[in-house]
């Protein structure tokens, strides 16, 4: 699953961007695309997937992430979304710190495994499932510094259900960052292989 190819790195990075874009939308509007939310949450539980694409359920489930990644890499007339880039960069930094803490990694894995039974019973995006995933994030990732500072409407950010969805999506973003690193992704590669990655995004979008 963790073959170190540019294609796998691009898919994982699209998964990360898709998750943080939903965080951004929730913070601003209190709402998020249901299918996108489900795709991101499902990726958290696919720890032993057969392939990188299987983590997300196929390319068609990552169209939003791929489109946004194209935009962020400079392949769109819409330009770069600096807030989205900041969220993605912050997630990558936190994943690096998480990777240095084996006990915290195990705590996250154990927490996710406990929630998986709840997800199988209630469904991936049930409020109880999202609350439990948010708790896994709070008890582990929230201890790392610097914290991800999500900007948005105070009324939405103070809503417990919205907050749970945001934390669940940040956990999904961390999952994608783990996968990205396992596939050979590094921050410097995004800079030096930007053109090649953009070409791969275009190829994946045509195949989606």
Protein backbone atom coordinates (compact mmCIF):
# COMPACT_ATOMS: atom_id res chain seq x y z
CA UNK A 1 0.00 0.00 0.00
CA UNK A 2 2.76 2.45 0.88
CA UNK A 3 4.64 2.26 -2.44
CA UNK A 4 6.65 5.45 -2.73
CA UNK A 5 5.39 6.89 -5.99
CA UNK A 6 4.44 10.40 -6.99
CA UNK A 7 0.94 9.16 -7.79
CA UNK A 8 0.41 7.77 -4.28
CA UNK A 9 1.84 10.93 -2.74
CA UNK A 10 -0.53 13.05 -4.83
CA UNK A 11 -3.56 10.97 -3.83
CA UNK A 12 -2.69 11.21 -0.14
CA UNK A 13 -2.09 14.96 -0.40
CA UNK A 14 -5.45 15.37 -2.14
CA UNK A 15 -7.04 13.51 0.78
CA UNK A 16 -5.39 15.91 3.21
CA UNK A 17 -6.51 18.99 1.26
CA UNK A 18 -10.05 17.64 0.98
CA UNK A 19 -10.25 17.17 4.75
CA UNK A 20 -8.97 20.64 5.63
CA UNK A 21 -11.23 22.23 3.00
CA UNK A 22 -14.21 20.72 4.83
CA UNK A 23 -12.82 22.09 8.10
CA UNK A 24 -12.69 25.51 6.47
CA UNK A 25 -16.25 25.24 5.17
CA UNK A 26 -17.63 24.06 8.51
CA UNK A 27 -15.93 26.91 10.33
CA UNK A 28 -17.35 29.45 7.89
CA UNK A 29 -20.85 28.08 7.27
CA UNK A 30 -21.52 25.34 9.82
CA UNK A 31 -22.15 22.89 6.97
CA UNK A 32 -20.10 20.42 4.94
CA UNK A 33 -20.71 18.12 1.98
CA UNK A 34 -22.04 14.81 3.30
CA UNK A 35 -20.19 12.57 0.85
CA UNK A 36 -16.95 14.43 1.42
CA UNK A 37 -17.32 14.11 5.18
CA UNK A 38 -18.02 10.39 4.88
CA UNK A 39 -14.99 9.85 2.63
CA UNK A 40 -12.68 11.59 5.08
CA UNK A 41 -14.07 9.85 8.17
CA UNK A 42 -13.91 6.46 6.45
CA UNK A 43 -10.20 7.00 5.74
CA UNK A 44 -9.50 7.16 9.48
CA UNK A 45 -10.63 3.57 9.95
CA UNK A 46 -8.82 2.14 6.90
CA UNK A 47 -5.54 1.52 8.67
CA UNK A 48 -4.72 -1.69 6.80
CA UNK A 49 -6.14 -0.87 3.37
CA UNK A 50 -4.90 -2.78 0.31
CA UNK A 51 -3.89 0.37 -1.58
CA UNK A 52 -3.67 4.13 -1.17
CA UNK A 53 -6.77 4.62 -3.29
CA UNK A 54 -8.67 2.11 -1.17
CA UNK A 55 -8.16 4.37 1.84
CA UNK A 56 -10.47 6.88 0.16
CA UNK A 57 -12.78 4.49 -1.68
CA UNK A 58 -11.54 5.41 -5.17
CA UNK A 59 -10.56 8.45 -7.20
CA UNK A 60 -14.15 9.57 -7.69
CA UNK A 61 -14.37 10.21 -3.95
CA UNK A 62 -11.37 12.55 -4.14
CA UNK A 63 -12.44 14.86 -6.96
CA UNK A 64 -12.84 17.83 -4.62
CA UNK A 65 -9.42 17.26 -3.06
CA UNK A 66 -7.77 16.89 -6.47
CA UNK A 67 -9.43 20.06 -7.80
CA UNK A 68 -8.31 22.01 -4.75
CA UNK A 69 -4.80 20.58 -4.94
CA UNK A 70 -4.64 21.68 -8.59
CA UNK A 71 -5.60 25.17 -7.46
CA UNK A 72 -3.03 25.19 -4.65
CA UNK A 73 -0.25 24.01 -6.96
CA UNK A 74 -0.92 26.91 -9.30
CA UNK A 75 -2.93 25.07 -11.89
CA UNK A 76 -6.07 27.14 -11.51
CA UNK A 77 -7.00 30.71 -12.34
CA UNK A 78 -8.67 30.95 -8.92
CA UNK A 79 -5.27 31.24 -7.27
CA UNK A 80 -3.91 29.85 -4.04
CA UNK A 81 -6.10 29.83 -0.92
CA UNK A 82 -3.63 30.93 1.76
CA UNK A 83 -5.85 29.81 4.64
CA UNK A 84 -6.22 26.34 3.16
CA UNK A 85 -2.45 26.18 2.62
CA UNK A 86 -1.90 27.19 6.25
CA UNK A 87 -4.19 24.46 7.54
CA UNK A 88 -2.51 21.83 5.36
CA UNK A 89 0.97 22.92 6.42
CA UNK A 90 -0.03 22.88 10.09
CA UNK A 91 -1.37 19.33 9.74
CA UNK A 92 1.92 18.18 8.20
CA UNK A 93 3.87 19.72 11.09
CA UNK A 94 1.64 18.02 13.68
CA UNK A 95 1.99 14.66 11.92
CA UNK A 96 5.78 14.95 12.07
CA UNK A 97 5.53 15.55 15.82
CA UNK A 98 3.08 12.68 16.21
CA UNK A 99 5.52 10.41 14.36
CA UNK A 100 8.11 11.20 17.03
CA UNK A 101 5.77 9.96 19.80
CA UNK A 102 5.15 6.20 19.48
CA UNK A 103 3.02 6.07 22.63
CA UNK A 104 0.72 8.79 21.32
CA UNK A 105 0.50 7.01 17.97
CA UNK A 106 -0.61 3.86 19.75
CA UNK A 107 -3.11 5.83 21.81
CA UNK A 108 -4.63 7.26 18.62
CA UNK A 109 -4.75 3.82 17.00
CA UNK A 110 -6.38 2.30 20.08
CA UNK A 111 -8.92 5.11 20.19
CA UNK A 112 -9.79 4.72 16.52
CA UNK A 113 -10.20 0.97 16.93
CA UNK A 114 -12.63 1.54 19.81
CA UNK A 115 -14.66 3.97 17.71
CA UNK A 116 -14.75 1.60 14.72
CA UNK A 117 -17.28 -0.66 16.45
CA UNK A 118 -19.49 2.35 17.08
CA UNK A 119 -19.15 3.39 13.43
CA UNK A 120 -20.11 -0.09 12.26
CA UNK A 121 -23.26 0.10 14.37
CA UNK A 122 -24.40 3.71 13.88
CA UNK A 123 -22.74 4.72 10.59
CA UNK A 124 -19.64 6.73 9.80
CA UNK A 125 -21.09 10.22 10.22
CA UNK A 126 -23.42 9.59 13.15
CA UNK A 127 -23.13 12.25 15.85
CA UNK A 128 -21.92 9.70 18.43
CA UNK A 129 -19.18 8.49 16.08
CA UNK A 130 -18.00 12.02 15.30
CA UNK A 131 -18.04 12.92 18.98
CA UNK A 132 -15.91 9.88 19.79
CA UNK A 133 -13.41 10.67 17.03
CA UNK A 134 -13.27 14.28 18.21
CA UNK A 135 -12.41 12.99 21.67
CA UNK A 136 -9.55 10.90 20.24
CA UNK A 137 -8.24 14.06 18.58
CA UNK A 138 -8.63 16.16 21.71
CA UNK A 139 -6.94 13.66 24.00
CA UNK A 140 -3.95 13.21 21.73
CA UNK A 141 -3.32 15.56 18.81
CA UNK A 142 -4.52 18.63 20.74
CA UNK A 143 -1.59 18.15 23.12
CA UNK A 144 0.88 18.82 20.31
CA UNK A 145 2.10 22.33 19.56
CA UNK A 146 1.50 24.52 17.75
CA UNK A 147 -2.23 23.89 17.70
CA UNK A 148 -4.18 24.35 14.50
CA UNK A 149 -6.06 27.61 14.90
CA UNK A 150 -9.27 27.30 12.91
CA UNK A 151 -10.77 30.61 11.85
CA UNK A 152 -14.50 31.05 11.22
CA UNK A 153 -17.81 32.26 12.54
CA UNK A 154 -17.89 32.13 16.37
CA UNK A 155 -21.47 30.82 16.34
CA UNK A 156 -20.40 27.80 14.28
CA UNK A 157 -17.13 27.18 16.12
CA UNK A 158 -18.94 27.19 19.48
CA UNK A 159 -21.53 24.66 18.26
CA UNK A 160 -20.55 21.26 19.79
CA UNK A 161 -21.68 19.28 16.73
CA UNK A 162 -19.71 21.50 14.36
CA UNK A 163 -16.68 21.33 16.67
CA UNK A 164 -16.87 17.52 16.67
CA UNK A 165 -16.98 17.44 12.88
CA UNK A 166 -14.01 19.79 12.64
CA UNK A 167 -11.91 17.71 15.03
CA UNK A 168 -12.90 14.50 13.24
CA UNK A 169 -11.84 16.02 9.93
CA UNK A 170 -8.54 17.20 11.41
CA UNK A 171 -7.96 13.62 12.54
CA UNK A 172 -8.70 12.51 8.97
CA UNK A 173 -6.23 15.12 7.70
CA UNK A 174 -3.58 13.70 10.06
CA UNK A 175 -4.37 10.23 8.68
CA UNK A 176 -3.73 11.51 5.15
CA UNK A 177 -0.50 13.19 6.28
CA UNK A 178 0.68 9.86 7.75
CA UNK A 179 -0.11 8.16 4.45
CA UNK A 180 1.60 10.92 2.48
CA UNK A 181 4.81 10.49 4.50
CA UNK A 182 4.65 6.69 4.22
CA UNK A 183 4.44 7.08 0.45
CA UNK A 184 7.58 9.23 0.42
CA UNK A 185 5.95 12.65 0.70
CA UNK A 186 8.11 15.46 2.10
CA UNK A 187 7.53 19.20 2.34
CA UNK A 188 10.50 20.01 0.11
CA UNK A 189 9.13 17.72 -2.60
CA UNK A 190 6.00 19.85 -2.92
CA UNK A 191 8.29 22.78 -3.79
CA UNK A 192 10.74 21.03 -6.10
CA UNK A 193 8.31 18.63 -7.77
CA UNK A 194 5.40 21.04 -8.05
CA UNK A 195 5.15 20.82 -11.85
CA UNK A 196 5.35 17.02 -11.88
CA UNK A 197 2.75 16.79 -9.13
CA UNK A 198 0.46 19.20 -10.97
CA UNK A 199 0.71 17.02 -14.08
CA UNK A 200 -0.16 14.00 -11.94
CA UNK A 201 -3.19 15.83 -10.52
CA UNK A 202 -4.41 16.49 -14.06
CA UNK A 203 -3.91 12.81 -14.96
CA UNK A 204 -5.81 11.64 -11.87
CA UNK A 205 -8.65 14.06 -12.55
CA UNK A 206 -9.03 12.69 -16.07
CA UNK A 207 -9.16 9.17 -14.61
CA UNK A 208 -11.62 10.05 -11.82
